[in-house]
Amino acid sequence: MTPVDVPGDRLRVRELRKTDLDDLVKVYGDDTAVRHLSFTPRTPEQCAATIESAIDDAQAENRRVYMLAVVTGDDHLVGTARLGIDERPHSGQIGFALRPDLWGRGMGE
């Protein structure tokens, strides 16, 4: 599987890395950031497990889950993007999370 790395004007989307842990905790561990997501704030251990799962998923031959880092120009994670492809034809799920201090700046566009 070819690793995902999509450049953008302000943000880049790439595969999650173990070195993203501290920054991921700033997103997934924040009450405000996860308020409208399907889970409550995550611990550092849970965030580490998320990264491990994303790394494993990226190695799958028939990849169905793309859990990706949204990073700034200096390669610091400020959010996540997730695409899950369902077994049913033409069906899937997409999600996006961003550090609350960056909300309202057009980063999710």
PDB file of N, CA and C in Angstrom:
ATOM      1  N   MET A   1       0.853  -1.179   0.000  1.00  0.00           N
ATOM      2  CA  MET A   1       0.000   0.000   0.000  1.00  0.00           C
ATOM      3  C   MET A   1       0.890   1.230   0.000  1.00  0.00           C
ATOM      4  N   THR A   2       0.578   2.175  -0.847  1.00  0.00           N
ATOM      5  CA  THR A   2       1.314   3.432  -0.912  1.00  0.00           C
ATOM      6  C   THR A   2       0.896   4.319   0.253  1.00  0.00           C
ATOM      7  N   PRO A   3       1.847   4.838   1.011  1.00  0.00           N
ATOM      8  CA  PRO A   3       1.474   5.711   2.134  1.00  0.00           C
ATOM      9  C   PRO A   3       0.759   6.974   1.644  1.00  0.00           C
ATOM     10  N   VAL A   4      -0.207   7.426   2.424  1.00  0.00           N
ATOM     11  CA  VAL A   4      -0.944   8.644   2.098  1.00  0.00           C
ATOM     12  C   VAL A   4      -0.112   9.848   2.524  1.00  0.00           C
ATOM     13  N   ASP A   5       0.046  10.796   1.619  1.00  0.00           N
ATOM     14  CA  ASP A   5       0.725  12.059   1.910  1.00  0.00           C
ATOM     15  C   ASP A   5       0.180  13.086   0.924  1.00  0.00           C
ATOM     16  N   VAL A   6      -0.751  13.919   1.392  1.00  0.00           N
ATOM     17  CA  VAL A   6      -1.451  14.861   0.530  1.00  0.00           C
ATOM     18  C   VAL A   6      -1.131  16.285   0.986  1.00  0.00           C
ATOM     19  N   PRO A   7      -0.360  17.015   0.181  1.00  0.00           N
ATOM     20  CA  PRO A   7      -0.039  18.395   0.558  1.00  0.00           C
ATOM     21  C   PRO A   7      -1.225  19.326   0.305  1.00  0.00           C
ATOM     22  N   GLY A   8      -1.249  20.414   1.056  1.00  0.00           N
ATOM     23  CA  GLY A   8      -2.280  21.431   0.867  1.00  0.00           C
ATOM     24  C   GLY A   8      -1.676  22.805   1.082  1.00  0.00           C
ATOM     25  N   ASP A   9      -2.471  23.831   0.871  1.00  0.00           N
ATOM     26  CA  ASP A   9      -1.977  25.199   1.034  1.00  0.00           C
ATOM     27  C   ASP A   9      -1.584  25.506   2.474  1.00  0.00           C
ATOM     28  N   ARG A  10      -2.410  25.062   3.426  1.00  0.00           N
ATOM     29  CA  ARG A  10      -2.134  25.353   4.836  1.00  0.00           C
ATOM     30  C   ARG A  10      -1.863  24.115   5.668  1.00  0.00           C
ATOM     31  N   LEU A  11      -2.436  22.999   5.260  1.00  0.00           N
ATOM     32  CA  LEU A  11      -2.302  21.756   6.012  1.00  0.00           C
ATOM     33  C   LEU A  11      -1.920  20.627   5.078  1.00  0.00           C
ATOM     34  N   ARG A  12      -1.376  19.579   5.660  1.00  0.00           N
ATOM     35  CA  ARG A  12      -1.015  18.373   4.920  1.00  0.00           C
ATOM     36  C   ARG A  12      -1.660  17.189   5.630  1.00  0.00           C
ATOM     37  N   VAL A  13      -2.041  16.189   4.865  1.00  0.00           N
ATOM     38  CA  VAL A  13      -2.600  14.957   5.429  1.00  0.00           C
ATOM     39  C   VAL A  13      -1.611  13.839   5.136  1.00  0.00           C
ATOM     40  N   ARG A  14      -1.224  13.129   6.194  1.00  0.00           N
ATOM     41  CA  ARG A  14      -0.251  12.042   6.051  1.00  0.00           C
ATOM     42  C   ARG A  14      -0.599  10.930   7.032  1.00  0.00           C
ATOM     43  N   GLU A  15       0.126   9.834   6.909  1.00  0.00           N
ATOM     44  CA  GLU A  15      -0.054   8.709   7.834  1.00  0.00           C
ATOM     45  C   GLU A  15       0.307   9.139   9.263  1.00  0.00           C
ATOM     46  N   LEU A  16      -0.403   8.570  10.231  1.00  0.00           N
ATOM     47  CA  LEU A  16      -0.068   8.791  11.636  1.00  0.00           C
ATOM     48  C   LEU A  16       1.253   8.110  11.969  1.00  0.00           C
ATOM     49  N   ARG A  17       2.001   8.724  12.876  1.00  0.00           N
ATOM     50  CA  ARG A  17       3.277   8.181  13.343  1.00  0.00           C
ATOM     51  C   ARG A  17       3.284   8.126  14.866  1.00  0.00           C
ATOM     52  N   LYS A  18       4.114   7.263  15.410  1.00  0.00           N
ATOM     53  CA  LYS A  18       4.240   7.167  16.862  1.00  0.00           C
ATOM     54  C   LYS A  18       4.658   8.506  17.477  1.00  0.00           C
ATOM     55  N   THR A  19       5.423   9.286  16.744  1.00  0.00           N
ATOM     56  CA  THR A  19       5.891  10.578  17.253  1.00  0.00           C
ATOM     57  C   THR A  19       4.769  11.619  17.327  1.00  0.00           C
ATOM     58  N   ASP A  20       3.579  11.300  16.834  1.00  0.00           N
ATOM     59  CA  ASP A  20       2.429  12.203  16.898  1.00  0.00           C
ATOM     60  C   ASP A  20       1.682  12.124  18.223  1.00  0.00           C
ATOM     61  N   LEU A  21       2.104  11.259  19.122  1.00  0.00           N
ATOM     62  CA  LEU A  21       1.325  10.988  20.331  1.00  0.00           C
ATOM     63  C   LEU A  21       1.002  12.248  21.129  1.00  0.00           C
ATOM     64  N   ASP A  22       1.984  13.043  21.485  1.00  0.00           N
ATOM     65  CA  ASP A  22       1.717  14.220  22.327  1.00  0.00           C
ATOM     66  C   ASP A  22       0.729  15.174  21.661  1.00  0.00           C
ATOM     67  N   ASP A  23       0.889  15.369  20.356  1.00  0.00           N
ATOM     68  CA  ASP A  23      -0.029  16.257  19.640  1.00  0.00           C
ATOM     69  C   ASP A  23      -1.422  15.650  19.511  1.00  0.00           C
ATOM     70  N   LEU A  24      -1.509  14.333  19.337  1.00  0.00           N
ATOM     71  CA  LEU A  24      -2.819  13.688  19.244  1.00  0.00           C
ATOM     72  C   LEU A  24      -3.577  13.817  20.565  1.00  0.00           C
ATOM     73  N   VAL A  25      -2.866  13.726  21.673  1.00  0.00           N
ATOM     74  CA  VAL A  25      -3.511  13.879  22.988  1.00  0.00           C
ATOM     75  C   VAL A  25      -4.120  15.278  23.110  1.00  0.00           C
ATOM     76  N   LYS A  26      -3.487  16.278  22.506  1.00  0.00           N
ATOM     77  CA  LYS A  26      -4.013  17.650  22.555  1.00  0.00           C
ATOM     78  C   LYS A  26      -5.330  17.777  21.795  1.00  0.00           C
ATOM     79  N   VAL A  27      -5.582  16.869  20.879  1.00  0.00           N
ATOM     80  CA  VAL A  27      -6.849  16.858  20.145  1.00  0.00           C
ATOM     81  C   VAL A  27      -7.821  15.896  20.821  1.00  0.00           C
ATOM     82  N   TYR A  28      -7.486  14.627  20.869  1.00  0.00           N
ATOM     83  CA  TYR A  28      -8.406  13.604  21.372  1.00  0.00           C
ATOM     84  C   TYR A  28      -8.580  13.627  22.888  1.00  0.00           C
ATOM     85  N   GLY A  29      -7.703  14.275  23.586  1.00  0.00           N
ATOM     86  CA  GLY A  29      -7.837  14.381  25.035  1.00  0.00           C
ATOM     87  C   GLY A  29      -8.587  15.623  25.472  1.00  0.00           C
ATOM     88  N   ASP A  30      -8.990  16.446  24.534  1.00  0.00           N
ATOM     89  CA  ASP A  30      -9.635  17.724  24.816  1.00  0.00           C
ATOM     90  C   ASP A  30     -11.160  17.583  24.779  1.00  0.00           C
ATOM     91  N   ASP A  31     -11.819  17.977  25.881  1.00  0.00           N
ATOM     92  CA  ASP A  31     -13.285  17.882  25.973  1.00  0.00           C
ATOM     93  C   ASP A  31     -13.987  18.596  24.819  1.00  0.00           C
ATOM     94  N   THR A  32     -13.519  19.785  24.496  1.00  0.00           N
ATOM     95  CA  THR A  32     -14.161  20.576  23.443  1.00  0.00           C
ATOM     96  C   THR A  32     -13.955  19.929  22.075  1.00  0.00           C
ATOM     97  N   ALA A  33     -12.758  19.449  21.812  1.00  0.00           N
ATOM     98  CA  ALA A  33     -12.441  18.864  20.503  1.00  0.00           C
ATOM     99  C   ALA A  33     -13.288  17.633  20.197  1.00  0.00           C
ATOM    100  N   VAL A  34     -13.616  16.852  21.217  1.00  0.00           N
ATOM    101  CA  VAL A  34     -14.352  15.599  20.974  1.00  0.00           C
ATOM    102  C   VAL A  34     -15.839  15.707  21.290  1.00  0.00           C
ATOM    103  N   ARG A  35     -16.290  16.890  21.631  1.00  0.00           N
ATOM    104  CA  ARG A  35     -17.693  17.080  22.033  1.00  0.00           C
ATOM    105  C   ARG A  35     -18.676  16.511  21.018  1.00  0.00           C
ATOM    106  N   HIS A  36     -18.401  16.660  19.738  1.00  0.00           N
ATOM    107  CA  HIS A  36     -19.336  16.198  18.702  1.00  0.00           C
ATOM    108  C   HIS A  36     -18.848  14.928  18.006  1.00  0.00           C
ATOM    109  N   LEU A  37     -17.867  14.269  18.599  1.00  0.00           N
ATOM    110  CA  LEU A  37     -17.374  13.005  18.050  1.00  0.00           C
ATOM    111  C   LEU A  37     -18.054  11.848  18.759  1.00  0.00           C
ATOM    112  N   SER A  38     -17.751  10.642  18.336  1.00  0.00           N
ATOM    113  CA  SER A  38     -18.444   9.462  18.863  1.00  0.00           C
ATOM    114  C   SER A  38     -17.779   8.883  20.107  1.00  0.00           C
ATOM    115  N   PHE A  39     -16.866   9.639  20.723  1.00  0.00           N
ATOM    116  CA  PHE A  39     -16.186   9.140  21.917  1.00  0.00           C
ATOM    117  C   PHE A  39     -15.905  10.290  22.885  1.00  0.00           C
ATOM    118  N   THR A  40     -15.637   9.924  24.120  1.00  0.00           N
ATOM    119  CA  THR A  40     -15.262  10.896  25.147  1.00  0.00           C
ATOM    120  C   THR A  40     -13.756  11.135  25.065  1.00  0.00           C
ATOM    121  N   PRO A  41     -13.239  12.140  25.764  1.00  0.00           N
ATOM    122  CA  PRO A  41     -11.800  12.402  25.699  1.00  0.00           C
ATOM    123  C   PRO A  41     -10.974  11.144  25.989  1.00  0.00           C
ATOM    124  N   ARG A  42      -9.910  10.991  25.231  1.00  0.00           N
ATOM    125  CA  ARG A  42      -9.065   9.804  25.342  1.00  0.00           C
ATOM    126  C   ARG A  42      -7.808  10.090  26.150  1.00  0.00           C
ATOM    127  N   THR A  43      -7.359   9.065  26.829  1.00  0.00           N
ATOM    128  CA  THR A  43      -6.124   9.142  27.607  1.00  0.00           C
ATOM    129  C   THR A  43      -4.917   9.016  26.671  1.00  0.00           C
ATOM    130  N   PRO A  44      -3.730   9.349  27.155  1.00  0.00           N
ATOM    131  CA  PRO A  44      -2.537   9.127  26.336  1.00  0.00           C
ATOM    132  C   PRO A  44      -2.391   7.669  25.900  1.00  0.00           C
ATOM    133  N   GLU A  45      -2.754   6.741  26.760  1.00  0.00           N
ATOM    134  CA  GLU A  45      -2.665   5.318  26.408  1.00  0.00           C
ATOM    135  C   GLU A  45      -3.641   4.968  25.288  1.00  0.00           C
ATOM    136  N   GLN A  46      -4.833   5.522  25.347  1.00  0.00           N
ATOM    137  CA  GLN A  46      -5.815   5.283  24.289  1.00  0.00           C
ATOM    138  C   GLN A  46      -5.372   5.918  22.970  1.00  0.00           C
ATOM    139  N   CYS A  47      -4.758   7.089  23.051  1.00  0.00           N
ATOM    140  CA  CYS A  47      -4.242   7.739  21.843  1.00  0.00           C
ATOM    141  C   CYS A  47      -3.105   6.920  21.241  1.00  0.00           C
ATOM    142  N   ALA A  48      -2.252   6.355  22.077  1.00  0.00           N
ATOM    143  CA  ALA A  48      -1.170   5.493  21.588  1.00  0.00           C
ATOM    144  C   ALA A  48      -1.752   4.270  20.880  1.00  0.00           C
ATOM    145  N   ALA A  49      -2.823   3.705  21.438  1.00  0.00           N
ATOM    146  CA  ALA A  49      -3.475   2.556  20.806  1.00  0.00           C
ATOM    147  C   ALA A  49      -4.096   2.955  19.465  1.00  0.00           C
ATOM    148  N   THR A  50      -4.633   4.156  19.369  1.00  0.00           N
ATOM    149  CA  THR A  50      -5.187   4.657  18.107  1.00  0.00           C
ATOM    150  C   THR A  50      -4.101   4.733  17.044  1.00  0.00           C
ATOM    151  N   ILE A  51      -2.946   5.237  17.437  1.00  0.00           N
ATOM    152  CA  ILE A  51      -1.826   5.332  16.499  1.00  0.00           C
ATOM    153  C   ILE A  51      -1.368   3.950  16.063  1.00  0.00           C
ATOM    154  N   GLU A  52      -1.237   3.037  17.001  1.00  0.00           N
ATOM    155  CA  GLU A  52      -0.821   1.663  16.668  1.00  0.00           C
ATOM    156  C   GLU A  52      -1.810   1.020  15.698  1.00  0.00           C
ATOM    157  N   SER A  53      -3.095   1.222  15.941  1.00  0.00           N
ATOM    158  CA  SER A  53      -4.120   0.666  15.060  1.00  0.00           C
ATOM    159  C   SER A  53      -4.023   1.279  13.657  1.00  0.00           C
ATOM    160  N   ALA A  54      -3.786   2.591  13.597  1.00  0.00           N
ATOM    161  CA  ALA A  54      -3.651   3.272  12.301  1.00  0.00           C
ATOM    162  C   ALA A  54      -2.443   2.748  11.533  1.00  0.00           C
ATOM    163  N   ILE A  55      -1.351   2.502  12.233  1.00  0.00           N
ATOM    164  CA  ILE A  55      -0.147   1.960  11.600  1.00  0.00           C
ATOM    165  C   ILE A  55      -0.425   0.554  11.073  1.00  0.00           C
ATOM    166  N   ASP A  56      -1.113  -0.258  11.860  1.00  0.00           N
ATOM    167  CA  ASP A  56      -1.486  -1.603  11.407  1.00  0.00           C
ATOM    168  C   ASP A  56      -2.417  -1.545  10.197  1.00  0.00           C
ATOM    169  N   ASP A  57      -3.432  -0.668  10.263  1.00  0.00           N
ATOM    170  CA  ASP A  57      -4.377  -0.537   9.152  1.00  0.00           C
ATOM    171  C   ASP A  57      -3.668  -0.128   7.868  1.00  0.00           C
ATOM    172  N   ALA A  58      -2.658   0.724   7.985  1.00  0.00           N
ATOM    173  CA  ALA A  58      -1.932   1.205   6.807  1.00  0.00           C
ATOM    174  C   ALA A  58      -1.167   0.086   6.098  1.00  0.00           C
ATOM    175  N   GLN A  59      -0.902  -1.001   6.808  1.00  0.00           N
ATOM    176  CA  GLN A  59      -0.175  -2.135   6.238  1.00  0.00           C
ATOM    177  C   GLN A  59      -1.094  -3.161   5.578  1.00  0.00           C
ATOM    178  N   ALA A  60      -2.403  -2.989   5.757  1.00  0.00           N
ATOM    179  CA  ALA A  60      -3.354  -3.969   5.228  1.00  0.00           C
ATOM    180  C   ALA A  60      -3.341  -3.983   3.704  1.00  0.00           C
ATOM    181  N   GLU A  61      -3.413  -5.181   3.139  1.00  0.00           N
ATOM    182  CA  GLU A  61      -3.428  -5.321   1.685  1.00  0.00           C
ATOM    183  C   GLU A  61      -4.682  -4.691   1.084  1.00  0.00           C
ATOM    184  N   ASN A  62      -5.824  -4.979   1.681  1.00  0.00           N
ATOM    185  CA  ASN A  62      -7.086  -4.376   1.251  1.00  0.00           C
ATOM    186  C   ASN A  62      -7.520  -3.368   2.311  1.00  0.00           C
ATOM    187  N   ARG A  63      -6.833  -2.265   2.337  1.00  0.00           N
ATOM    188  CA  ARG A  63      -7.038  -1.253   3.380  1.00  0.00           C
ATOM    189  C   ARG A  63      -8.464  -0.715   3.348  1.00  0.00           C
ATOM    190  N   ARG A  64      -9.093  -0.709   4.529  1.00  0.00           N
ATOM    191  CA  ARG A  64     -10.464  -0.227   4.649  1.00  0.00           C
ATOM    192  C   ARG A  64     -10.569   0.968   5.593  1.00  0.00           C
ATOM    193  N   VAL A  65      -9.515   1.231   6.359  1.00  0.00           N
ATOM    194  CA  VAL A  65      -9.521   2.351   7.300  1.00  0.00           C
ATOM    195  C   VAL A  65      -8.291   3.213   7.057  1.00  0.00           C
ATOM    196  N   TYR A  66      -8.553   4.489   6.851  1.00  0.00           N
ATOM    197  CA  TYR A  66      -7.498   5.480   6.677  1.00  0.00           C
ATOM    198  C   TYR A  66      -7.615   6.472   7.826  1.00  0.00           C
ATOM    199  N   MET A  67      -6.833   6.254   8.876  1.00  0.00           N
ATOM    200  CA  MET A  67      -6.785   7.155  10.024  1.00  0.00           C
ATOM    201  C   MET A  67      -5.522   7.974   9.839  1.00  0.00           C
ATOM    202  N   LEU A  68      -5.673   9.256   9.552  1.00  0.00           N
ATOM    203  CA  LEU A  68      -4.556  10.072   9.089  1.00  0.00           C
ATOM    204  C   LEU A  68      -4.323  11.288   9.971  1.00  0.00           C
ATOM    205  N   ALA A  69      -3.100  11.768   9.952  1.00  0.00           N
ATOM    206  CA  ALA A  69      -2.720  12.975  10.672  1.00  0.00           C
ATOM    207  C   ALA A  69      -2.939  14.188   9.779  1.00  0.00           C
ATOM    208  N   VAL A  70      -3.485  15.246  10.353  1.00  0.00           N
ATOM    209  CA  VAL A  70      -3.575  16.546   9.687  1.00  0.00           C
ATOM    210  C   VAL A  70      -2.494  17.393  10.346  1.00  0.00           C
ATOM    211  N   VAL A  71      -1.526  17.837   9.550  1.00  0.00           N
ATOM    212  CA  VAL A  71      -0.350  18.507  10.110  1.00  0.00           C
ATOM    213  C   VAL A  71      -0.129  19.881   9.474  1.00  0.00           C
ATOM    214  N   THR A  72       0.572  20.713  10.215  1.00  0.00           N
ATOM    215  CA  THR A  72       0.952  22.041   9.743  1.00  0.00           C
ATOM    216  C   THR A  72       2.243  21.931   8.939  1.00  0.00           C
ATOM    217  N   GLY A  73       2.702  23.065   8.412  1.00  0.00           N
ATOM    218  CA  GLY A  73       3.926  23.081   7.616  1.00  0.00           C
ATOM    219  C   GLY A  73       5.150  22.602   8.364  1.00  0.00           C
ATOM    220  N   ASP A  74       5.146  22.748   9.695  1.00  0.00           N
ATOM    221  CA  ASP A  74       6.281  22.270  10.490  1.00  0.00           C
ATOM    222  C   ASP A  74       6.079  20.826  10.959  1.00  0.00           C
ATOM    223  N   ASP A  75       5.096  20.141  10.373  1.00  0.00           N
ATOM    224  CA  ASP A  75       4.818  18.718  10.587  1.00  0.00           C
ATOM    225  C   ASP A  75       4.273  18.395  11.981  1.00  0.00           C
ATOM    226  N   HIS A  76       3.628  19.361  12.632  1.00  0.00           N
ATOM    227  CA  HIS A  76       2.981  19.092  13.918  1.00  0.00           C
ATOM    228  C   HIS A  76       1.516  18.763  13.694  1.00  0.00           C
ATOM    229  N   LEU A  77       1.072  17.651  14.282  1.00  0.00           N
ATOM    230  CA  LEU A  77      -0.317  17.227  14.172  1.00  0.00           C
ATOM    231  C   LEU A  77      -1.221  18.246  14.859  1.00  0.00           C
ATOM    232  N   VAL A  78      -2.247  18.703  14.141  1.00  0.00           N
ATOM    233  CA  VAL A  78      -3.246  19.605  14.702  1.00  0.00           C
ATOM    234  C   VAL A  78      -4.645  19.021  14.582  1.00  0.00           C
ATOM    235  N   GLY A  79      -4.742  17.854  13.946  1.00  0.00           N
ATOM    236  CA  GLY A  79      -6.039  17.218  13.785  1.00  0.00           C
ATOM    237  C   GLY A  79      -5.901  15.849  13.149  1.00  0.00           C
ATOM    238  N   THR A  80      -7.048  15.246  12.906  1.00  0.00           N
ATOM    239  CA  THR A  80      -7.083  13.930  12.272  1.00  0.00           C
ATOM    240  C   THR A  80      -8.162  13.902  11.204  1.00  0.00           C
ATOM    241  N   ALA A  81      -7.981  13.035  10.251  1.00  0.00           N
ATOM    242  CA  ALA A  81      -8.988  12.759   9.227  1.00  0.00           C
ATOM    243  C   ALA A  81      -9.117  11.247   9.147  1.00  0.00           C
ATOM    244  N   ARG A  82     -10.345  10.768   9.061  1.00  0.00           N
ATOM    245  CA  ARG A  82     -10.566   9.321   9.021  1.00  0.00           C
ATOM    246  C   ARG A  82     -11.558   8.977   7.925  1.00  0.00           C
ATOM    247  N   LEU A  83     -11.202   7.986   7.150  1.00  0.00           N
ATOM    248  CA  LEU A  83     -12.093   7.420   6.144  1.00  0.00           C
ATOM    249  C   LEU A  83     -12.188   5.937   6.412  1.00  0.00           C
ATOM    250  N   GLY A  84     -13.393   5.456   6.627  1.00  0.00           N
ATOM    251  CA  GLY A  84     -13.644   4.034   6.811  1.00  0.00           C
ATOM    252  C   GLY A  84     -14.516   3.536   5.676  1.00  0.00           C
ATOM    253  N   ILE A  85     -14.044   2.548   4.948  1.00  0.00           N
ATOM    254  CA  ILE A  85     -14.781   1.999   3.813  1.00  0.00           C
ATOM    255  C   ILE A  85     -15.523   0.757   4.297  1.00  0.00           C
ATOM    256  N   ASP A  86     -16.851   0.794   4.188  1.00  0.00           N
ATOM    257  CA  ASP A  86     -17.680  -0.310   4.664  1.00  0.00           C
ATOM    258  C   ASP A  86     -17.669  -1.471   3.690  1.00  0.00           C
ATOM    259  N   GLU A  87     -18.121  -2.611   4.180  1.00  0.00           N
ATOM    260  CA  GLU A  87     -18.228  -3.813   3.355  1.00  0.00           C
ATOM    261  C   GLU A  87     -19.296  -3.643   2.274  1.00  0.00           C
ATOM    262  N   ARG A  88     -20.354  -2.905   2.594  1.00  0.00           N
ATOM    263  CA  ARG A  88     -21.439  -2.695   1.630  1.00  0.00           C
ATOM    264  C   ARG A  88     -20.931  -1.844   0.476  1.00  0.00           C
ATOM    265  N   PRO A  89     -21.387  -2.093  -0.719  1.00  0.00           N
ATOM    266  CA  PRO A  89     -20.965  -1.280  -1.869  1.00  0.00           C
ATOM    267  C   PRO A  89     -21.351   0.189  -1.687  1.00  0.00           C
ATOM    268  N   HIS A  90     -20.453   1.054  -2.070  1.00  0.00           N
ATOM    269  CA  HIS A  90     -20.705   2.496  -2.079  1.00  0.00           C
ATOM    270  C   HIS A  90     -21.066   3.039  -0.707  1.00  0.00           C
ATOM    271  N   SER A  91     -20.441   2.535   0.342  1.00  0.00           N
ATOM    272  CA  SER A  91     -20.768   2.956   1.689  1.00  0.00           C
ATOM    273  C   SER A  91     -19.483   3.175   2.486  1.00  0.00           C
ATOM    274  N   GLY A  92     -19.494   4.186   3.330  1.00  0.00           N
ATOM    275  CA  GLY A  92     -18.335   4.452   4.163  1.00  0.00           C
ATOM    276  C   GLY A  92     -18.633   5.523   5.187  1.00  0.00           C
ATOM    277  N   GLN A  93     -17.614   5.871   5.945  1.00  0.00           N
ATOM    278  CA  GLN A  93     -17.726   6.901   6.969  1.00  0.00           C
ATOM    279  C   GLN A  93     -16.528   7.822   6.846  1.00  0.00           C
ATOM    280  N   ILE A  94     -16.761   9.100   7.108  1.00  0.00           N
ATOM    281  CA  ILE A  94     -15.673  10.055   7.095  1.00  0.00           C
ATOM    282  C   ILE A  94     -15.768  10.904   8.356  1.00  0.00           C
ATOM    283  N   GLY A  95     -14.626  11.259   8.902  1.00  0.00           N
ATOM    284  CA  GLY A  95     -14.597  12.078  10.104  1.00  0.00           C
ATOM    285  C   GLY A  95     -13.398  13.003  10.097  1.00  0.00           C
ATOM    286  N   PHE A  96     -13.500  14.072  10.872  1.00  0.00           N
ATOM    287  CA  PHE A  96     -12.437  15.067  10.935  1.00  0.00           C
ATOM    288  C   PHE A  96     -12.446  15.663  12.329  1.00  0.00           C
ATOM    289  N   ALA A  97     -11.278  15.829  12.918  1.00  0.00           N
ATOM    290  CA  ALA A  97     -11.142  16.478  14.223  1.00  0.00           C
ATOM    291  C   ALA A  97     -10.002  17.484  14.130  1.00  0.00           C
ATOM    292  N   LEU A  98     -10.156  18.587  14.837  1.00  0.00           N
ATOM    293  CA  LEU A  98      -9.165  19.652  14.801  1.00  0.00           C
ATOM    294  C   LEU A  98      -9.045  20.273  16.178  1.00  0.00           C
ATOM    295  N   ARG A  99      -7.831  20.657  16.542  1.00  0.00           N
ATOM    296  CA  ARG A  99      -7.629  21.352  17.820  1.00  0.00           C
ATOM    297  C   ARG A  99      -8.555  22.563  17.888  1.00  0.00           C
ATOM    298  N   PRO A 100      -9.280  22.745  18.995  1.00  0.00           N
ATOM    299  CA  PRO A 100     -10.245  23.849  19.096  1.00  0.00           C
ATOM    300  C   PRO A 100      -9.649  25.234  18.913  1.00  0.00           C
ATOM    301  N   ASP A 101      -8.386  25.429  19.259  1.00  0.00           N
ATOM    302  CA  ASP A 101      -7.801  26.767  19.096  1.00  0.00           C
ATOM    303  C   ASP A 101      -7.632  27.142  17.621  1.00  0.00           C
ATOM    304  N   LEU A 102      -7.845  26.193  16.726  1.00  0.00           N
ATOM    305  CA  LEU A 102      -7.751  26.456  15.286  1.00  0.00           C
ATOM    306  C   LEU A 102      -9.128  26.538  14.616  1.00  0.00           C
ATOM    307  N   TRP A 103     -10.186  26.324  15.374  1.00  0.00           N
ATOM    308  CA  TRP A 103     -11.536  26.402  14.829  1.00  0.00           C
ATOM    309  C   TRP A 103     -11.815  27.816  14.318  1.00  0.00           C
ATOM    310  N   GLY A 104     -12.639  27.914  13.302  1.00  0.00           N
ATOM    311  CA  GLY A 104     -13.046  29.199  12.775  1.00  0.00           C
ATOM    312  C   GLY A 104     -12.036  29.860  11.854  1.00  0.00           C
ATOM    313  N   ARG A 105     -10.999  29.140  11.478  1.00  0.00           N
ATOM    314  CA  ARG A 105      -9.954  29.681  10.607  1.00  0.00           C
ATOM    315  C   ARG A 105      -9.970  29.055   9.210  1.00  0.00           C
ATOM    316  N   GLY A 106     -11.015  28.291   8.902  1.00  0.00           N
ATOM    317  CA  GLY A 106     -11.130  27.672   7.588  1.00  0.00           C
ATOM    318  C   GLY A 106     -10.219  26.476   7.381  1.00  0.00           C
ATOM    319  N   MET A 107      -9.699  25.895   8.456  1.00  0.00           N
ATOM    320  CA  MET A 107      -8.773  24.760   8.340  1.00  0.00           C
ATOM    321  C   MET A 107      -9.465  23.486   7.879  1.00  0.00           C
ATOM    322  N   GLY A 108     -10.753  23.355   8.121  1.00  0.00           N
ATOM    323  CA  GLY A 108     -11.468  22.143   7.740  1.00  0.00           C
ATOM    324  C   GLY A 108     -12.081  22.204   6.353  1.00  0.00           C
ATOM    325  N   GLU A 109     -11.819  23.258   5.634  1.00  0.00           N
ATOM    326  CA  GLU A 109     -12.403  23.412   4.301  1.00  0.00           C
ATOM    327  C   GLU A 109     -11.664  22.603   3.277  1.00  0.00           C
TER     328      GLU A 109
END
